[in-house]
Amino acid sequence: MEQPKQRVIQEYVPGKQLTLAHVIANPDQVLYTKLGIENANALGILTLTPTETAIIAADIATKAANVDIGYLDRFTGSLVIVGDVSAVEMAIEAVNSFLHEKLQFSIAPLTRS
């Protein structure tokens, strides 16, 4: 007797959170090529929900430090910022601080590689 197929239903329930805040210092050239962005000394990677928060985070980051937006996707909540290592770290810390203090988001610790 054939077993009935099981279905798995996944739901996406966004919370108010920054789930990833990571700095890649001195990334390999291949990363820039694969991402299609200009070279810099560091990449800052953030993932946010609700996904539109990536727009707010990009605004905060570019005002807080001398960084540029490498990639922003308001549909997935992904944000990549580029610049000097210290500027990228400062920008991510400013985003974390604003989201936590002003919007009561759960934040992620800043990690580095």
N, C-alpha and C. Protein backbone atom coordinates (compact mmCIF):
# COMPACT_ATOMS: atom_id res chain seq x y z
N MET A 1 0.82 -1.16 0.00
CA MET A 1 0.00 0.00 0.00
C MET A 1 0.88 1.25 0.00
N GLU A 2 0.57 2.15 -0.88
CA GLU A 2 1.37 3.38 -1.02
C GLU A 2 1.05 4.35 0.11
N GLN A 3 2.12 4.91 0.68
CA GLN A 3 1.96 5.89 1.76
C GLN A 3 1.48 7.23 1.20
N PRO A 4 0.55 7.89 1.86
CA PRO A 4 0.11 9.21 1.39
C PRO A 4 1.25 10.22 1.53
N LYS A 5 1.31 11.13 0.58
CA LYS A 5 2.34 12.17 0.61
C LYS A 5 2.02 13.17 1.70
N GLN A 6 3.05 13.56 2.42
CA GLN A 6 2.88 14.56 3.46
C GLN A 6 3.20 15.94 2.90
N ARG A 7 2.47 16.91 3.33
CA ARG A 7 2.72 18.29 2.94
C ARG A 7 3.29 19.04 4.12
N VAL A 8 4.24 19.90 3.81
CA VAL A 8 4.81 20.76 4.82
C VAL A 8 4.45 22.19 4.45
N ILE A 9 3.85 22.88 5.38
CA ILE A 9 3.48 24.27 5.14
C ILE A 9 4.38 25.14 5.99
N GLN A 10 5.05 26.07 5.35
CA GLN A 10 5.92 26.99 6.06
C GLN A 10 5.31 28.38 5.99
N GLU A 11 5.32 29.05 7.11
CA GLU A 11 4.83 30.41 7.15
C GLU A 11 5.97 31.33 7.52
N TYR A 12 5.97 32.50 6.92
CA TYR A 12 6.95 33.50 7.21
C TYR A 12 6.28 34.57 8.07
N VAL A 13 6.67 34.66 9.31
CA VAL A 13 6.08 35.63 10.21
C VAL A 13 7.18 36.59 10.64
N PRO A 14 7.22 37.75 10.00
CA PRO A 14 8.30 38.67 10.32
C PRO A 14 8.13 39.30 11.69
N GLY A 15 9.22 39.37 12.40
CA GLY A 15 9.26 40.10 13.65
C GLY A 15 10.02 41.38 13.42
N LYS A 16 10.16 42.15 14.44
CA LYS A 16 10.96 43.37 14.34
C LYS A 16 12.37 43.00 14.79
N GLN A 17 13.20 42.61 13.82
CA GLN A 17 14.54 42.18 14.20
C GLN A 17 15.58 42.39 13.11
N LEU A 18 16.78 42.59 13.59
CA LEU A 18 17.95 42.59 12.73
C LEU A 18 18.60 41.24 13.02
N THR A 19 18.59 40.34 12.05
CA THR A 19 19.02 38.96 12.31
C THR A 19 20.49 38.71 12.01
N LEU A 20 21.10 39.58 11.21
CA LEU A 20 22.51 39.41 10.88
C LEU A 20 23.14 40.78 10.74
N ALA A 21 24.26 40.98 11.42
CA ALA A 21 25.03 42.22 11.32
C ALA A 21 26.50 41.81 11.28
N HIS A 22 27.03 41.66 10.08
CA HIS A 22 28.37 41.08 9.92
C HIS A 22 29.26 41.97 9.06
N VAL A 23 30.52 42.06 9.45
CA VAL A 23 31.52 42.82 8.69
C VAL A 23 32.55 41.84 8.14
N ILE A 24 32.81 41.93 6.85
CA ILE A 24 33.89 41.18 6.23
C ILE A 24 34.99 42.18 5.92
N ALA A 25 36.08 42.10 6.66
CA ALA A 25 37.21 43.00 6.44
C ALA A 25 38.10 42.44 5.33
N ASN A 26 38.50 43.30 4.44
CA ASN A 26 39.39 42.94 3.33
C ASN A 26 38.94 41.68 2.60
N PRO A 27 37.73 41.69 2.05
CA PRO A 27 37.23 40.51 1.35
C PRO A 27 38.02 40.22 0.07
N ASP A 28 37.96 38.99 -0.33
CA ASP A 28 38.61 38.57 -1.56
C ASP A 28 37.95 39.26 -2.75
N GLN A 29 38.71 39.59 -3.75
CA GLN A 29 38.23 40.26 -4.96
C GLN A 29 37.05 39.52 -5.60
N VAL A 30 37.05 38.22 -5.49
CA VAL A 30 36.00 37.41 -6.10
C VAL A 30 34.62 37.79 -5.55
N LEU A 31 34.55 38.12 -4.27
CA LEU A 31 33.26 38.51 -3.68
C LEU A 31 32.68 39.74 -4.37
N TYR A 32 33.53 40.72 -4.64
CA TYR A 32 33.06 41.93 -5.32
C TYR A 32 32.55 41.60 -6.73
N THR A 33 33.28 40.76 -7.40
CA THR A 33 32.89 40.36 -8.75
C THR A 33 31.55 39.63 -8.72
N LYS A 34 31.42 38.67 -7.83
CA LYS A 34 30.18 37.87 -7.75
C LYS A 34 28.98 38.72 -7.33
N LEU A 35 29.22 39.68 -6.45
CA LEU A 35 28.13 40.55 -5.99
C LEU A 35 27.84 41.69 -6.96
N GLY A 36 28.79 41.96 -7.85
CA GLY A 36 28.60 43.03 -8.82
C GLY A 36 28.69 44.41 -8.19
N ILE A 37 29.53 44.55 -7.17
CA ILE A 37 29.71 45.85 -6.53
C ILE A 37 31.17 46.28 -6.58
N GLU A 38 31.38 47.58 -6.34
CA GLU A 38 32.73 48.14 -6.41
C GLU A 38 33.57 47.70 -5.21
N ASN A 39 34.88 47.66 -5.43
CA ASN A 39 35.81 47.27 -4.37
C ASN A 39 35.79 48.28 -3.23
N ALA A 40 35.97 47.78 -2.03
CA ALA A 40 36.12 48.59 -0.83
C ALA A 40 36.96 47.79 0.15
N ASN A 41 37.26 48.38 1.28
CA ASN A 41 38.05 47.65 2.26
C ASN A 41 37.22 46.68 3.09
N ALA A 42 35.91 46.92 3.12
CA ALA A 42 35.05 46.05 3.94
C ALA A 42 33.64 46.00 3.36
N LEU A 43 32.98 44.88 3.66
CA LEU A 43 31.56 44.70 3.34
C LEU A 43 30.82 44.57 4.66
N GLY A 44 29.69 45.24 4.78
CA GLY A 44 28.81 45.08 5.93
C GLY A 44 27.53 44.43 5.44
N ILE A 45 27.13 43.35 6.07
CA ILE A 45 25.95 42.60 5.62
C ILE A 45 24.91 42.62 6.73
N LEU A 46 23.70 43.05 6.38
CA LEU A 46 22.60 43.09 7.35
C LEU A 46 21.39 42.41 6.75
N THR A 47 20.64 41.70 7.60
CA THR A 47 19.38 41.10 7.20
C THR A 47 18.34 41.54 8.21
N LEU A 48 17.22 42.10 7.71
CA LEU A 48 16.23 42.71 8.58
C LEU A 48 14.81 42.27 8.26
N THR A 49 13.98 42.24 9.30
CA THR A 49 12.54 42.05 9.11
C THR A 49 11.83 43.03 10.03
N PRO A 50 10.73 43.62 9.58
CA PRO A 50 10.15 43.52 8.27
C PRO A 50 11.15 43.98 7.21
N THR A 51 11.01 43.44 6.04
CA THR A 51 12.02 43.62 5.00
C THR A 51 12.22 45.06 4.57
N GLU A 52 11.17 45.87 4.66
CA GLU A 52 11.29 47.28 4.27
C GLU A 52 12.22 48.06 5.20
N THR A 53 12.54 47.48 6.34
CA THR A 53 13.46 48.13 7.28
C THR A 53 14.84 48.31 6.66
N ALA A 54 15.15 47.55 5.64
CA ALA A 54 16.44 47.69 4.95
C ALA A 54 16.61 49.12 4.42
N ILE A 55 15.52 49.75 4.03
CA ILE A 55 15.57 51.12 3.53
C ILE A 55 15.96 52.07 4.67
N ILE A 56 15.35 51.89 5.82
CA ILE A 56 15.68 52.72 6.99
C ILE A 56 17.12 52.49 7.39
N ALA A 57 17.54 51.24 7.42
CA ALA A 57 18.91 50.91 7.81
C ALA A 57 19.93 51.53 6.86
N ALA A 58 19.64 51.52 5.57
CA ALA A 58 20.55 52.13 4.59
C ALA A 58 20.68 53.62 4.83
N ASP A 59 19.58 54.27 5.14
CA ASP A 59 19.60 55.70 5.42
C ASP A 59 20.43 56.00 6.66
N ILE A 60 20.21 55.24 7.72
CA ILE A 60 20.97 55.44 8.96
C ILE A 60 22.45 55.20 8.73
N ALA A 61 22.78 54.11 8.04
CA ALA A 61 24.18 53.75 7.81
C ALA A 61 24.92 54.82 7.03
N THR A 62 24.31 55.32 5.97
CA THR A 62 25.00 56.31 5.13
C THR A 62 25.11 57.67 5.81
N LYS A 63 24.24 57.95 6.77
CA LYS A 63 24.34 59.20 7.53
C LYS A 63 25.32 59.09 8.69
N ALA A 64 25.52 57.89 9.20
CA ALA A 64 26.36 57.67 10.38
C ALA A 64 27.84 57.58 10.05
N ALA A 65 28.17 57.16 8.85
CA ALA A 65 29.58 56.94 8.50
C ALA A 65 29.77 57.08 6.99
N ASN A 66 31.01 57.16 6.60
CA ASN A 66 31.35 57.30 5.18
C ASN A 66 31.30 55.94 4.49
N VAL A 67 30.08 55.48 4.25
CA VAL A 67 29.87 54.19 3.58
C VAL A 67 28.94 54.40 2.39
N ASP A 68 28.98 53.46 1.49
CA ASP A 68 28.09 53.46 0.33
C ASP A 68 27.21 52.22 0.38
N ILE A 69 26.09 52.29 -0.30
CA ILE A 69 25.21 51.13 -0.40
C ILE A 69 25.71 50.26 -1.55
N GLY A 70 26.06 49.02 -1.24
CA GLY A 70 26.48 48.09 -2.27
C GLY A 70 25.29 47.35 -2.86
N TYR A 71 24.32 47.08 -1.99
CA TYR A 71 23.13 46.33 -2.41
C TYR A 71 22.03 46.56 -1.38
N LEU A 72 20.82 46.75 -1.86
CA LEU A 72 19.67 46.90 -0.99
C LEU A 72 18.48 46.22 -1.64
N ASP A 73 17.81 45.34 -0.90
CA ASP A 73 16.63 44.67 -1.42
C ASP A 73 15.52 44.76 -0.39
N ARG A 74 14.53 45.59 -0.67
CA ARG A 74 13.43 45.79 0.28
C ARG A 74 12.48 44.60 0.31
N PHE A 75 12.61 43.67 -0.62
CA PHE A 75 11.74 42.50 -0.64
C PHE A 75 12.29 41.35 0.19
N THR A 76 13.61 41.31 0.38
CA THR A 76 14.21 40.26 1.20
C THR A 76 14.78 40.79 2.51
N GLY A 77 14.89 42.11 2.63
CA GLY A 77 15.46 42.70 3.83
C GLY A 77 16.97 42.63 3.88
N SER A 78 17.60 42.51 2.72
CA SER A 78 19.06 42.41 2.65
C SER A 78 19.67 43.78 2.37
N LEU A 79 20.75 44.06 3.07
CA LEU A 79 21.49 45.30 2.85
C LEU A 79 22.97 45.01 2.92
N VAL A 80 23.72 45.47 1.93
CA VAL A 80 25.18 45.39 1.94
C VAL A 80 25.70 46.80 1.85
N ILE A 81 26.56 47.17 2.80
CA ILE A 81 27.21 48.47 2.74
C ILE A 81 28.70 48.25 2.54
N VAL A 82 29.36 49.22 1.91
CA VAL A 82 30.78 49.10 1.62
C VAL A 82 31.52 50.35 2.07
N GLY A 83 32.77 50.18 2.43
CA GLY A 83 33.61 51.30 2.85
C GLY A 83 34.82 50.79 3.60
N ASP A 84 35.47 51.70 4.33
CA ASP A 84 36.59 51.30 5.19
C ASP A 84 36.04 50.46 6.35
N VAL A 85 36.90 49.61 6.89
CA VAL A 85 36.47 48.70 7.96
C VAL A 85 35.84 49.48 9.12
N SER A 86 36.52 50.52 9.59
CA SER A 86 36.01 51.26 10.75
C SER A 86 34.69 51.96 10.42
N ALA A 87 34.54 52.47 9.21
CA ALA A 87 33.30 53.14 8.81
C ALA A 87 32.14 52.16 8.72
N VAL A 88 32.40 50.98 8.18
CA VAL A 88 31.36 49.96 8.06
C VAL A 88 30.92 49.51 9.46
N GLU A 89 31.88 49.30 10.36
CA GLU A 89 31.54 48.92 11.73
C GLU A 89 30.73 50.01 12.41
N MET A 90 31.13 51.27 12.24
CA MET A 90 30.42 52.38 12.84
C MET A 90 28.99 52.48 12.31
N ALA A 91 28.84 52.27 11.01
CA ALA A 91 27.51 52.33 10.39
C ALA A 91 26.60 51.22 10.93
N ILE A 92 27.12 50.02 11.04
CA ILE A 92 26.31 48.90 11.54
C ILE A 92 25.95 49.13 13.00
N GLU A 93 26.88 49.62 13.80
CA GLU A 93 26.57 49.91 15.20
C GLU A 93 25.49 50.99 15.31
N ALA A 94 25.52 51.98 14.42
CA ALA A 94 24.48 53.03 14.42
C ALA A 94 23.12 52.45 14.05
N VAL A 95 23.09 51.54 13.08
CA VAL A 95 21.84 50.89 12.69
C VAL A 95 21.31 50.07 13.87
N ASN A 96 22.16 49.27 14.48
CA ASN A 96 21.76 48.46 15.63
C ASN A 96 21.18 49.34 16.74
N SER A 97 21.88 50.40 17.05
CA SER A 97 21.46 51.30 18.13
C SER A 97 20.10 51.95 17.83
N PHE A 98 19.94 52.48 16.63
CA PHE A 98 18.68 53.14 16.26
C PHE A 98 17.51 52.16 16.30
N LEU A 99 17.70 51.02 15.68
CA LEU A 99 16.61 50.04 15.62
C LEU A 99 16.21 49.57 17.01
N HIS A 100 17.20 49.37 17.88
CA HIS A 100 16.92 48.90 19.23
C HIS A 100 16.27 49.99 20.08
N GLU A 101 16.86 51.17 20.09
CA GLU A 101 16.40 52.24 20.98
C GLU A 101 15.13 52.94 20.49
N LYS A 102 15.04 53.21 19.20
CA LYS A 102 13.92 53.99 18.69
C LYS A 102 12.74 53.13 18.23
N LEU A 103 13.03 51.95 17.67
CA LEU A 103 11.96 51.12 17.11
C LEU A 103 11.72 49.82 17.88
N GLN A 104 12.46 49.64 18.98
CA GLN A 104 12.32 48.46 19.84
C GLN A 104 12.48 47.15 19.08
N PHE A 105 13.49 47.09 18.22
CA PHE A 105 13.82 45.88 17.48
C PHE A 105 14.70 44.98 18.33
N SER A 106 14.64 43.69 18.06
CA SER A 106 15.65 42.76 18.56
C SER A 106 16.83 42.91 17.62
N ILE A 107 18.02 43.01 18.17
CA ILE A 107 19.18 43.24 17.32
C ILE A 107 20.16 42.08 17.40
N ALA A 108 21.04 42.04 16.43
CA ALA A 108 22.07 41.00 16.38
C ALA A 108 23.41 41.59 16.79
N PRO A 109 24.25 40.81 17.44
CA PRO A 109 25.59 41.32 17.76
C PRO A 109 26.38 41.50 16.47
N LEU A 110 27.24 42.49 16.47
CA LEU A 110 28.12 42.72 15.34
C LEU A 110 29.18 41.62 15.33
N THR A 111 29.26 40.89 14.22
CA THR A 111 30.27 39.84 14.07
C THR A 111 31.23 40.25 12.95
N ARG A 112 32.41 39.65 12.96
CA ARG A 112 33.45 40.02 11.98
C ARG A 112 34.17 38.78 11.46
N SER A 113 34.62 38.92 10.21
CA SER A 113 35.49 37.87 9.66
C SER A 113 36.48 38.51 8.72
